[in-house]
N, C-alpha and C. Protein backbone atom coordinates (compact mmCIF):
# COMPACT_ATOMS: atom_id res chain seq x y z
N MET A 1 -16.83 -22.42 0.77
CA MET A 1 -15.65 -21.62 1.01
C MET A 1 -15.07 -21.18 -0.33
N HIS A 2 -14.95 -19.87 -0.51
CA HIS A 2 -14.44 -19.32 -1.76
C HIS A 2 -12.95 -19.03 -1.63
N ALA A 3 -12.23 -19.28 -2.70
CA ALA A 3 -10.78 -19.05 -2.70
C ALA A 3 -10.44 -17.59 -2.43
N VAL A 4 -11.25 -16.68 -2.95
CA VAL A 4 -10.98 -15.25 -2.74
C VAL A 4 -11.07 -14.90 -1.26
N ASP A 5 -12.05 -15.45 -0.55
CA ASP A 5 -12.18 -15.17 0.88
C ASP A 5 -11.02 -15.73 1.67
N VAL A 6 -10.54 -16.90 1.29
CA VAL A 6 -9.37 -17.49 1.95
C VAL A 6 -8.13 -16.64 1.65
N ALA A 7 -7.99 -16.18 0.42
CA ALA A 7 -6.85 -15.34 0.05
C ALA A 7 -6.87 -14.03 0.84
N LEU A 8 -8.03 -13.41 0.97
CA LEU A 8 -8.14 -12.17 1.73
C LEU A 8 -7.83 -12.41 3.21
N LEU A 9 -8.28 -13.52 3.74
CA LEU A 9 -7.95 -13.88 5.12
C LEU A 9 -6.43 -14.01 5.28
N LEU A 10 -5.79 -14.70 4.36
CA LEU A 10 -4.33 -14.86 4.43
C LEU A 10 -3.61 -13.52 4.37
N VAL A 11 -4.04 -12.65 3.48
CA VAL A 11 -3.42 -11.32 3.38
C VAL A 11 -3.62 -10.56 4.68
N ARG A 12 -4.83 -10.57 5.22
CA ARG A 12 -5.10 -9.88 6.48
C ARG A 12 -4.24 -10.43 7.62
N LEU A 13 -4.15 -11.76 7.70
CA LEU A 13 -3.37 -12.37 8.77
C LEU A 13 -1.89 -12.03 8.67
N VAL A 14 -1.35 -12.06 7.47
CA VAL A 14 0.08 -11.78 7.31
C VAL A 14 0.39 -10.31 7.58
N ILE A 15 -0.39 -9.40 7.00
CA ILE A 15 -0.14 -7.98 7.26
C ILE A 15 -0.41 -7.67 8.73
N GLY A 16 -1.49 -8.20 9.28
CA GLY A 16 -1.82 -7.95 10.68
C GLY A 16 -0.74 -8.45 11.62
N ALA A 17 -0.29 -9.69 11.43
CA ALA A 17 0.76 -10.25 12.29
C ALA A 17 2.07 -9.48 12.13
N THR A 18 2.36 -9.05 10.90
CA THR A 18 3.57 -8.26 10.66
C THR A 18 3.51 -6.94 11.41
N MET A 19 2.37 -6.28 11.36
CA MET A 19 2.23 -5.00 12.06
C MET A 19 2.30 -5.18 13.58
N ILE A 20 1.67 -6.24 14.08
CA ILE A 20 1.75 -6.51 15.53
C ILE A 20 3.20 -6.76 15.93
N ALA A 21 3.90 -7.59 15.18
CA ALA A 21 5.30 -7.87 15.48
C ALA A 21 6.15 -6.60 15.43
N HIS A 22 5.88 -5.76 14.44
CA HIS A 22 6.62 -4.50 14.29
C HIS A 22 6.38 -3.61 15.51
N GLY A 23 5.13 -3.49 15.92
CA GLY A 23 4.80 -2.68 17.09
C GLY A 23 5.42 -3.23 18.37
N LEU A 24 5.36 -4.54 18.54
CA LEU A 24 5.96 -5.15 19.73
C LEU A 24 7.47 -4.96 19.73
N ASN A 25 8.09 -5.02 18.56
CA ASN A 25 9.53 -4.80 18.49
C ASN A 25 9.90 -3.36 18.85
N HIS A 26 9.08 -2.40 18.41
CA HIS A 26 9.34 -1.01 18.79
C HIS A 26 9.19 -0.82 20.30
N TRP A 27 8.32 -1.59 20.91
CA TRP A 27 8.03 -1.45 22.33
C TRP A 27 9.01 -2.25 23.19
N ARG A 28 9.17 -3.54 22.88
CA ARG A 28 9.89 -4.45 23.76
C ARG A 28 11.23 -4.94 23.21
N GLY A 29 11.49 -4.70 21.93
CA GLY A 29 12.70 -5.25 21.32
C GLY A 29 13.89 -4.33 21.47
N GLY A 30 15.05 -4.83 21.14
CA GLY A 30 16.29 -4.06 21.07
C GLY A 30 16.43 -2.97 22.11
N GLY A 31 16.31 -1.74 21.66
CA GLY A 31 16.45 -0.59 22.55
C GLY A 31 15.19 -0.23 23.31
N ARG A 32 14.17 -1.08 23.17
CA ARG A 32 12.89 -0.87 23.83
C ARG A 32 12.29 0.49 23.42
N ILE A 33 11.39 1.03 24.18
CA ILE A 33 10.71 2.26 23.78
C ILE A 33 11.70 3.45 23.76
N GLU A 34 12.68 3.43 24.66
CA GLU A 34 13.65 4.53 24.70
C GLU A 34 14.51 4.54 23.42
N GLY A 35 14.92 3.36 22.96
CA GLY A 35 15.70 3.28 21.73
C GLY A 35 14.88 3.69 20.51
N THR A 36 13.62 3.28 20.49
CA THR A 36 12.72 3.68 19.40
C THR A 36 12.54 5.20 19.42
N ALA A 37 12.40 5.77 20.61
CA ALA A 37 12.24 7.22 20.73
C ALA A 37 13.49 7.94 20.20
N ARG A 38 14.66 7.44 20.53
CA ARG A 38 15.90 8.06 20.02
C ARG A 38 15.96 7.96 18.50
N TRP A 39 15.52 6.81 17.96
CA TRP A 39 15.54 6.62 16.51
C TRP A 39 14.60 7.62 15.83
N PHE A 40 13.39 7.76 16.37
CA PHE A 40 12.44 8.72 15.80
C PHE A 40 12.99 10.14 15.90
N SER A 41 13.58 10.48 17.02
CA SER A 41 14.17 11.81 17.17
C SER A 41 15.28 12.02 16.15
N GLY A 42 16.06 10.97 15.89
CA GLY A 42 17.12 11.05 14.90
C GLY A 42 16.61 11.27 13.48
N LEU A 43 15.36 10.89 13.25
CA LEU A 43 14.74 11.12 11.94
C LEU A 43 14.18 12.53 11.80
N GLY A 44 14.26 13.31 12.88
CA GLY A 44 13.78 14.68 12.83
C GLY A 44 12.41 14.87 13.45
N LEU A 45 11.89 13.86 14.12
CA LEU A 45 10.57 13.99 14.76
C LEU A 45 10.74 14.49 16.19
N ARG A 46 10.04 15.56 16.51
CA ARG A 46 10.04 16.07 17.88
C ARG A 46 9.26 15.11 18.77
N GLN A 47 9.55 15.16 20.05
CA GLN A 47 8.87 14.34 21.05
C GLN A 47 8.95 12.86 20.68
N GLY A 48 10.20 12.38 20.59
CA GLY A 48 10.46 11.01 20.17
C GLY A 48 9.74 9.96 20.98
N LYS A 49 9.63 10.16 22.29
CA LYS A 49 8.95 9.16 23.11
C LYS A 49 7.46 9.08 22.77
N LEU A 50 6.84 10.23 22.56
CA LEU A 50 5.44 10.24 22.12
C LEU A 50 5.30 9.55 20.77
N GLN A 51 6.21 9.84 19.85
CA GLN A 51 6.17 9.21 18.52
C GLN A 51 6.31 7.69 18.64
N ALA A 52 7.20 7.26 19.53
CA ALA A 52 7.42 5.82 19.72
C ALA A 52 6.13 5.16 20.21
N TRP A 53 5.50 5.75 21.20
CA TRP A 53 4.26 5.16 21.72
C TRP A 53 3.13 5.21 20.70
N LEU A 54 3.02 6.33 19.96
CA LEU A 54 1.99 6.41 18.92
C LEU A 54 2.20 5.32 17.87
N SER A 55 3.46 5.10 17.51
CA SER A 55 3.78 4.06 16.54
C SER A 55 3.40 2.68 17.08
N VAL A 56 3.76 2.39 18.31
CA VAL A 56 3.45 1.09 18.92
C VAL A 56 1.94 0.87 18.94
N ILE A 57 1.20 1.85 19.42
CA ILE A 57 -0.26 1.71 19.53
C ILE A 57 -0.89 1.56 18.14
N THR A 58 -0.43 2.36 17.19
CA THR A 58 -0.99 2.30 15.83
C THR A 58 -0.69 0.96 15.18
N GLU A 59 0.56 0.49 15.27
CA GLU A 59 0.94 -0.76 14.62
C GLU A 59 0.23 -1.96 15.24
N ILE A 60 0.22 -2.04 16.57
CA ILE A 60 -0.45 -3.17 17.22
C ILE A 60 -1.96 -3.08 17.00
N GLY A 61 -2.53 -1.89 17.14
CA GLY A 61 -3.97 -1.73 16.94
C GLY A 61 -4.41 -2.07 15.53
N ALA A 62 -3.69 -1.55 14.53
CA ALA A 62 -4.03 -1.86 13.14
C ALA A 62 -3.87 -3.34 12.87
N GLY A 63 -2.80 -3.92 13.41
CA GLY A 63 -2.58 -5.35 13.22
C GLY A 63 -3.70 -6.20 13.79
N LEU A 64 -4.13 -5.87 14.99
CA LEU A 64 -5.24 -6.62 15.61
C LEU A 64 -6.53 -6.48 14.81
N LEU A 65 -6.82 -5.26 14.37
CA LEU A 65 -8.03 -5.04 13.55
C LEU A 65 -7.97 -5.84 12.26
N LEU A 66 -6.80 -5.92 11.63
CA LEU A 66 -6.68 -6.70 10.40
C LEU A 66 -6.84 -8.19 10.67
N VAL A 67 -6.26 -8.68 11.74
CA VAL A 67 -6.36 -10.11 12.05
C VAL A 67 -7.82 -10.52 12.22
N ILE A 68 -8.61 -9.69 12.90
CA ILE A 68 -10.01 -10.06 13.12
C ILE A 68 -10.92 -9.54 12.00
N GLY A 69 -10.38 -8.69 11.13
CA GLY A 69 -11.16 -8.19 10.00
C GLY A 69 -12.22 -7.20 10.42
N LEU A 70 -11.86 -6.26 11.27
CA LEU A 70 -12.81 -5.27 11.76
C LEU A 70 -12.34 -3.87 11.37
N LEU A 71 -13.26 -3.07 10.83
CA LEU A 71 -12.94 -1.71 10.39
C LEU A 71 -11.74 -1.72 9.45
N THR A 72 -11.79 -2.60 8.49
CA THR A 72 -10.66 -2.87 7.61
C THR A 72 -10.10 -1.63 6.92
N PRO A 73 -10.92 -0.75 6.34
CA PRO A 73 -10.33 0.44 5.70
C PRO A 73 -9.57 1.33 6.67
N LEU A 74 -10.03 1.42 7.92
CA LEU A 74 -9.34 2.22 8.92
C LEU A 74 -8.02 1.58 9.31
N ALA A 75 -8.02 0.27 9.48
CA ALA A 75 -6.78 -0.46 9.78
C ALA A 75 -5.79 -0.30 8.64
N CYS A 76 -6.29 -0.39 7.41
CA CYS A 76 -5.41 -0.21 6.24
C CYS A 76 -4.87 1.21 6.18
N ALA A 77 -5.68 2.20 6.55
CA ALA A 77 -5.21 3.59 6.59
C ALA A 77 -4.06 3.72 7.58
N ALA A 78 -4.17 3.06 8.72
CA ALA A 78 -3.09 3.12 9.71
C ALA A 78 -1.82 2.49 9.17
N VAL A 79 -1.93 1.37 8.49
CA VAL A 79 -0.76 0.72 7.89
C VAL A 79 -0.13 1.65 6.85
N ILE A 80 -0.96 2.22 6.00
CA ILE A 80 -0.46 3.12 4.96
C ILE A 80 0.26 4.29 5.60
N SER A 81 -0.30 4.89 6.63
CA SER A 81 0.31 6.05 7.27
C SER A 81 1.65 5.70 7.91
N VAL A 82 1.69 4.63 8.67
CA VAL A 82 2.95 4.22 9.33
C VAL A 82 4.02 3.93 8.28
N MET A 83 3.64 3.23 7.22
CA MET A 83 4.62 2.89 6.19
C MET A 83 5.03 4.12 5.38
N LEU A 84 4.10 5.05 5.19
CA LEU A 84 4.44 6.28 4.47
C LEU A 84 5.44 7.13 5.27
N VAL A 85 5.22 7.25 6.56
CA VAL A 85 6.17 7.97 7.40
C VAL A 85 7.53 7.29 7.35
N ALA A 86 7.55 5.97 7.52
CA ALA A 86 8.82 5.24 7.48
C ALA A 86 9.50 5.39 6.11
N GLY A 87 8.71 5.28 5.06
CA GLY A 87 9.26 5.39 3.72
C GLY A 87 9.86 6.76 3.46
N LEU A 88 9.14 7.80 3.86
CA LEU A 88 9.60 9.16 3.60
C LEU A 88 10.82 9.54 4.45
N LEU A 89 10.77 9.22 5.73
CA LEU A 89 11.81 9.69 6.64
C LEU A 89 13.02 8.76 6.74
N ALA A 90 12.78 7.46 6.75
CA ALA A 90 13.88 6.53 7.01
C ALA A 90 14.42 5.85 5.76
N HIS A 91 13.57 5.54 4.80
CA HIS A 91 14.00 4.66 3.70
C HIS A 91 14.20 5.35 2.36
N ARG A 92 13.48 6.41 2.08
CA ARG A 92 13.56 7.08 0.77
C ARG A 92 14.99 7.49 0.40
N PRO A 93 15.77 8.05 1.33
CA PRO A 93 17.12 8.46 0.94
C PRO A 93 18.03 7.29 0.52
N ASN A 94 17.64 6.07 0.85
CA ASN A 94 18.47 4.91 0.57
C ASN A 94 18.13 4.21 -0.74
N GLY A 95 17.19 4.75 -1.50
CA GLY A 95 16.81 4.13 -2.76
C GLY A 95 15.74 3.07 -2.57
N PHE A 96 15.56 2.25 -3.58
CA PHE A 96 14.45 1.29 -3.63
C PHE A 96 14.69 0.02 -2.81
N PHE A 97 15.83 -0.61 -2.95
CA PHE A 97 16.00 -1.98 -2.46
C PHE A 97 16.10 -2.08 -0.95
N VAL A 98 15.36 -3.04 -0.39
CA VAL A 98 15.32 -3.24 1.05
C VAL A 98 16.68 -3.65 1.60
N PHE A 99 17.48 -4.39 0.82
CA PHE A 99 18.79 -4.81 1.32
C PHE A 99 19.77 -3.64 1.44
N LYS A 100 19.37 -2.48 0.92
CA LYS A 100 20.14 -1.25 1.10
C LYS A 100 19.38 -0.28 2.01
N GLU A 101 18.44 -0.82 2.81
CA GLU A 101 17.59 -0.02 3.70
C GLU A 101 16.66 0.90 2.93
N GLY A 102 16.31 0.51 1.69
CA GLY A 102 15.44 1.31 0.86
C GLY A 102 13.96 1.10 1.18
N TYR A 103 13.11 1.70 0.37
CA TYR A 103 11.67 1.75 0.65
C TYR A 103 10.87 0.59 0.04
N GLU A 104 11.51 -0.39 -0.54
CA GLU A 104 10.84 -1.51 -1.19
C GLU A 104 9.80 -2.19 -0.28
N TYR A 105 10.21 -2.54 0.93
CA TYR A 105 9.35 -3.26 1.88
C TYR A 105 8.13 -2.42 2.29
N VAL A 106 8.36 -1.15 2.65
CA VAL A 106 7.24 -0.32 3.10
C VAL A 106 6.28 -0.02 1.95
N LEU A 107 6.81 0.06 0.73
CA LEU A 107 5.96 0.24 -0.44
C LEU A 107 5.04 -0.97 -0.64
N VAL A 108 5.61 -2.17 -0.53
CA VAL A 108 4.80 -3.39 -0.71
C VAL A 108 3.71 -3.47 0.36
N LEU A 109 4.05 -3.19 1.62
CA LEU A 109 3.03 -3.23 2.67
C LEU A 109 1.95 -2.18 2.43
N SER A 110 2.34 -0.99 2.02
CA SER A 110 1.37 0.09 1.78
C SER A 110 0.40 -0.25 0.66
N ILE A 111 0.94 -0.70 -0.45
CA ILE A 111 0.09 -1.00 -1.61
C ILE A 111 -0.77 -2.23 -1.34
N THR A 112 -0.24 -3.19 -0.62
CA THR A 112 -1.06 -4.37 -0.26
C THR A 112 -2.19 -3.95 0.66
N ALA A 113 -1.92 -3.04 1.60
CA ALA A 113 -2.99 -2.54 2.48
C ALA A 113 -4.04 -1.78 1.67
N LEU A 114 -3.60 -0.98 0.71
CA LEU A 114 -4.55 -0.26 -0.14
C LEU A 114 -5.40 -1.23 -0.95
N ALA A 115 -4.78 -2.24 -1.52
CA ALA A 115 -5.53 -3.25 -2.29
C ALA A 115 -6.53 -3.98 -1.39
N LEU A 116 -6.13 -4.30 -0.17
CA LEU A 116 -7.02 -4.97 0.77
C LEU A 116 -8.22 -4.08 1.10
N ALA A 117 -7.97 -2.80 1.30
CA ALA A 117 -9.09 -1.88 1.58
C ALA A 117 -10.06 -1.83 0.41
N MET A 118 -9.54 -1.93 -0.81
CA MET A 118 -10.40 -1.90 -2.00
C MET A 118 -11.17 -3.21 -2.17
N LEU A 119 -10.50 -4.33 -1.91
CA LEU A 119 -11.15 -5.64 -2.07
C LEU A 119 -12.09 -5.97 -0.92
N GLY A 120 -11.82 -5.43 0.25
CA GLY A 120 -12.59 -5.75 1.44
C GLY A 120 -11.96 -6.92 2.16
N PRO A 121 -12.40 -7.17 3.38
CA PRO A 121 -11.76 -8.18 4.23
C PRO A 121 -12.16 -9.63 3.92
N GLY A 122 -13.19 -9.80 3.13
CA GLY A 122 -13.67 -11.16 2.84
C GLY A 122 -14.70 -11.63 3.85
N GLU A 123 -15.23 -12.80 3.59
CA GLU A 123 -16.32 -13.35 4.42
C GLU A 123 -15.85 -13.78 5.81
N PHE A 124 -14.58 -14.10 5.97
CA PHE A 124 -14.06 -14.55 7.27
C PHE A 124 -13.55 -13.36 8.06
N SER A 125 -14.46 -12.44 8.36
CA SER A 125 -14.09 -11.21 9.05
C SER A 125 -15.25 -10.72 9.91
N LEU A 126 -14.93 -9.93 10.91
CA LEU A 126 -15.99 -9.32 11.71
C LEU A 126 -16.73 -8.26 10.93
N ASP A 127 -16.06 -7.64 9.95
CA ASP A 127 -16.78 -6.70 9.09
C ASP A 127 -17.94 -7.40 8.38
N ALA A 128 -17.70 -8.61 7.86
CA ALA A 128 -18.75 -9.37 7.17
C ALA A 128 -19.85 -9.78 8.14
N VAL A 129 -19.47 -10.21 9.33
CA VAL A 129 -20.44 -10.66 10.33
C VAL A 129 -21.34 -9.51 10.78
N THR A 130 -20.74 -8.32 10.93
CA THR A 130 -21.51 -7.18 11.44
C THR A 130 -22.14 -6.34 10.34
N GLY A 131 -21.89 -6.69 9.09
CA GLY A 131 -22.49 -5.97 7.97
C GLY A 131 -21.76 -4.70 7.58
N ILE A 132 -20.55 -4.51 8.07
CA ILE A 132 -19.76 -3.34 7.66
C ILE A 132 -19.20 -3.65 6.28
N ASP A 133 -19.64 -2.88 5.29
CA ASP A 133 -19.25 -3.16 3.91
C ASP A 133 -18.73 -1.89 3.25
N ILE A 134 -17.46 -1.60 3.52
CA ILE A 134 -16.81 -0.45 2.89
C ILE A 134 -15.64 -1.01 2.09
N ALA A 135 -15.86 -1.19 0.81
CA ALA A 135 -14.83 -1.74 -0.06
C ALA A 135 -14.88 -0.97 -1.37
N GLY A 136 -14.20 -1.47 -2.37
CA GLY A 136 -14.18 -0.81 -3.67
C GLY A 136 -13.52 0.55 -3.58
N TRP A 137 -14.00 1.49 -4.39
CA TRP A 137 -13.42 2.83 -4.39
C TRP A 137 -13.58 3.50 -3.04
N ALA A 138 -14.70 3.25 -2.34
CA ALA A 138 -14.93 3.86 -1.03
C ALA A 138 -13.91 3.35 -0.01
N GLY A 139 -13.67 2.05 0.00
CA GLY A 139 -12.68 1.49 0.92
C GLY A 139 -11.28 1.97 0.61
N GLY A 140 -10.91 1.95 -0.67
CA GLY A 140 -9.58 2.41 -1.07
C GLY A 140 -9.40 3.89 -0.82
N GLY A 141 -10.42 4.68 -1.15
CA GLY A 141 -10.35 6.12 -0.93
C GLY A 141 -10.26 6.47 0.54
N THR A 142 -11.01 5.74 1.36
CA THR A 142 -10.95 5.96 2.81
C THR A 142 -9.55 5.64 3.33
N ALA A 143 -9.03 4.49 2.96
CA ALA A 143 -7.71 4.08 3.45
C ALA A 143 -6.61 5.02 2.97
N LEU A 144 -6.62 5.34 1.70
CA LEU A 144 -5.58 6.21 1.15
C LEU A 144 -5.73 7.63 1.68
N GLY A 145 -6.96 8.15 1.67
CA GLY A 145 -7.18 9.52 2.14
C GLY A 145 -6.81 9.71 3.60
N LEU A 146 -7.28 8.82 4.46
CA LEU A 146 -6.95 8.93 5.88
C LEU A 146 -5.47 8.67 6.14
N GLY A 147 -4.90 7.71 5.41
CA GLY A 147 -3.47 7.42 5.58
C GLY A 147 -2.60 8.60 5.22
N VAL A 148 -2.89 9.23 4.09
CA VAL A 148 -2.11 10.40 3.65
C VAL A 148 -2.37 11.59 4.59
N ALA A 149 -3.62 11.79 4.99
CA ALA A 149 -3.95 12.90 5.89
C ALA A 149 -3.26 12.74 7.25
N ALA A 150 -3.27 11.54 7.78
CA ALA A 150 -2.61 11.29 9.07
C ALA A 150 -1.11 11.52 8.96
N THR A 151 -0.52 11.08 7.85
CA THR A 151 0.91 11.30 7.63
C THR A 151 1.22 12.78 7.53
N ALA A 152 0.44 13.50 6.75
CA ALA A 152 0.66 14.94 6.59
C ALA A 152 0.51 15.66 7.93
N GLY A 153 -0.49 15.28 8.69
CA GLY A 153 -0.70 15.91 10.00
C GLY A 153 0.46 15.64 10.95
N LEU A 154 0.92 14.40 11.00
CA LEU A 154 2.04 14.06 11.87
C LEU A 154 3.29 14.83 11.47
N LEU A 155 3.58 14.85 10.18
CA LEU A 155 4.78 15.55 9.72
C LEU A 155 4.68 17.06 9.96
N ALA A 156 3.50 17.63 9.73
CA ALA A 156 3.32 19.07 9.95
C ALA A 156 3.50 19.43 11.43
N LEU A 157 3.02 18.59 12.30
CA LEU A 157 3.09 18.89 13.73
C LEU A 157 4.45 18.56 14.36
N PHE A 158 5.11 17.50 13.88
CA PHE A 158 6.25 16.99 14.63
C PHE A 158 7.58 16.91 13.87
N TRP A 159 7.56 17.01 12.55
CA TRP A 159 8.82 16.81 11.82
C TRP A 159 9.59 18.11 11.73
N ARG A 160 10.75 18.13 12.32
CA ARG A 160 11.63 19.29 12.31
C ARG A 160 13.06 18.80 12.09
N PRO A 161 13.39 18.47 10.84
CA PRO A 161 14.74 17.94 10.58
C PRO A 161 15.81 18.99 10.81
N GLN A 162 16.98 18.53 11.21
CA GLN A 162 18.11 19.43 11.40
C GLN A 162 18.59 19.91 10.05
N PRO A 163 18.91 21.19 9.94
CA PRO A 163 19.43 21.66 8.65
C PRO A 163 20.79 21.01 8.36
N ARG A 164 21.00 20.71 7.09
CA ARG A 164 22.28 20.10 6.68
C ARG A 164 23.35 21.18 6.63
N GLU A 165 24.53 20.79 7.05
CA GLU A 165 25.64 21.73 6.99
C GLU A 165 26.12 21.88 5.55
N VAL A 166 26.37 23.12 5.18
CA VAL A 166 26.88 23.39 3.84
C VAL A 166 28.40 23.44 3.93
N VAL A 167 29.05 22.63 3.11
CA VAL A 167 30.50 22.60 3.11
C VAL A 167 30.98 23.49 1.98
N ALA A 168 31.84 24.44 2.34
CA ALA A 168 32.37 25.37 1.32
C ALA A 168 33.34 24.64 0.43
N ALA A 169 33.29 24.96 -0.85
CA ALA A 169 34.17 24.29 -1.82
C ALA A 169 35.53 24.93 -1.89
């Protein structure tokens, strides 16, 4: 048993469980799917209910893939995309620090997912068992490229922020 493989397993489990919990909270927590839909609509995304369900499916799906270590670069791309959307629309205006609702947390999850895609899932993964070996620059490029492309596509199709009112001086 190599320490690096155990470390990669721990990173996968923590990010995966975090994403699953996040998706379940969007679905079943607080305002449930309707509240999540209103929140997404408030961020300027059209079809808030669709956005809420896409978020739930993406977060839970990516989380499960990370926990079992399957298709790791694709799961990391999903994490990067979800966190990039959250960072750009919800957290960026608030600055860096998470205690001020800033983008600190989503940045850490995104970069950790990118690093995981580059390092690979480790030996304790279904990727290793099945011989799927996409790591290094290919894994990182896949995760970052697909994550950014998915974010750009979502924003191009659905983001329509309300214009800000101009106050006369």
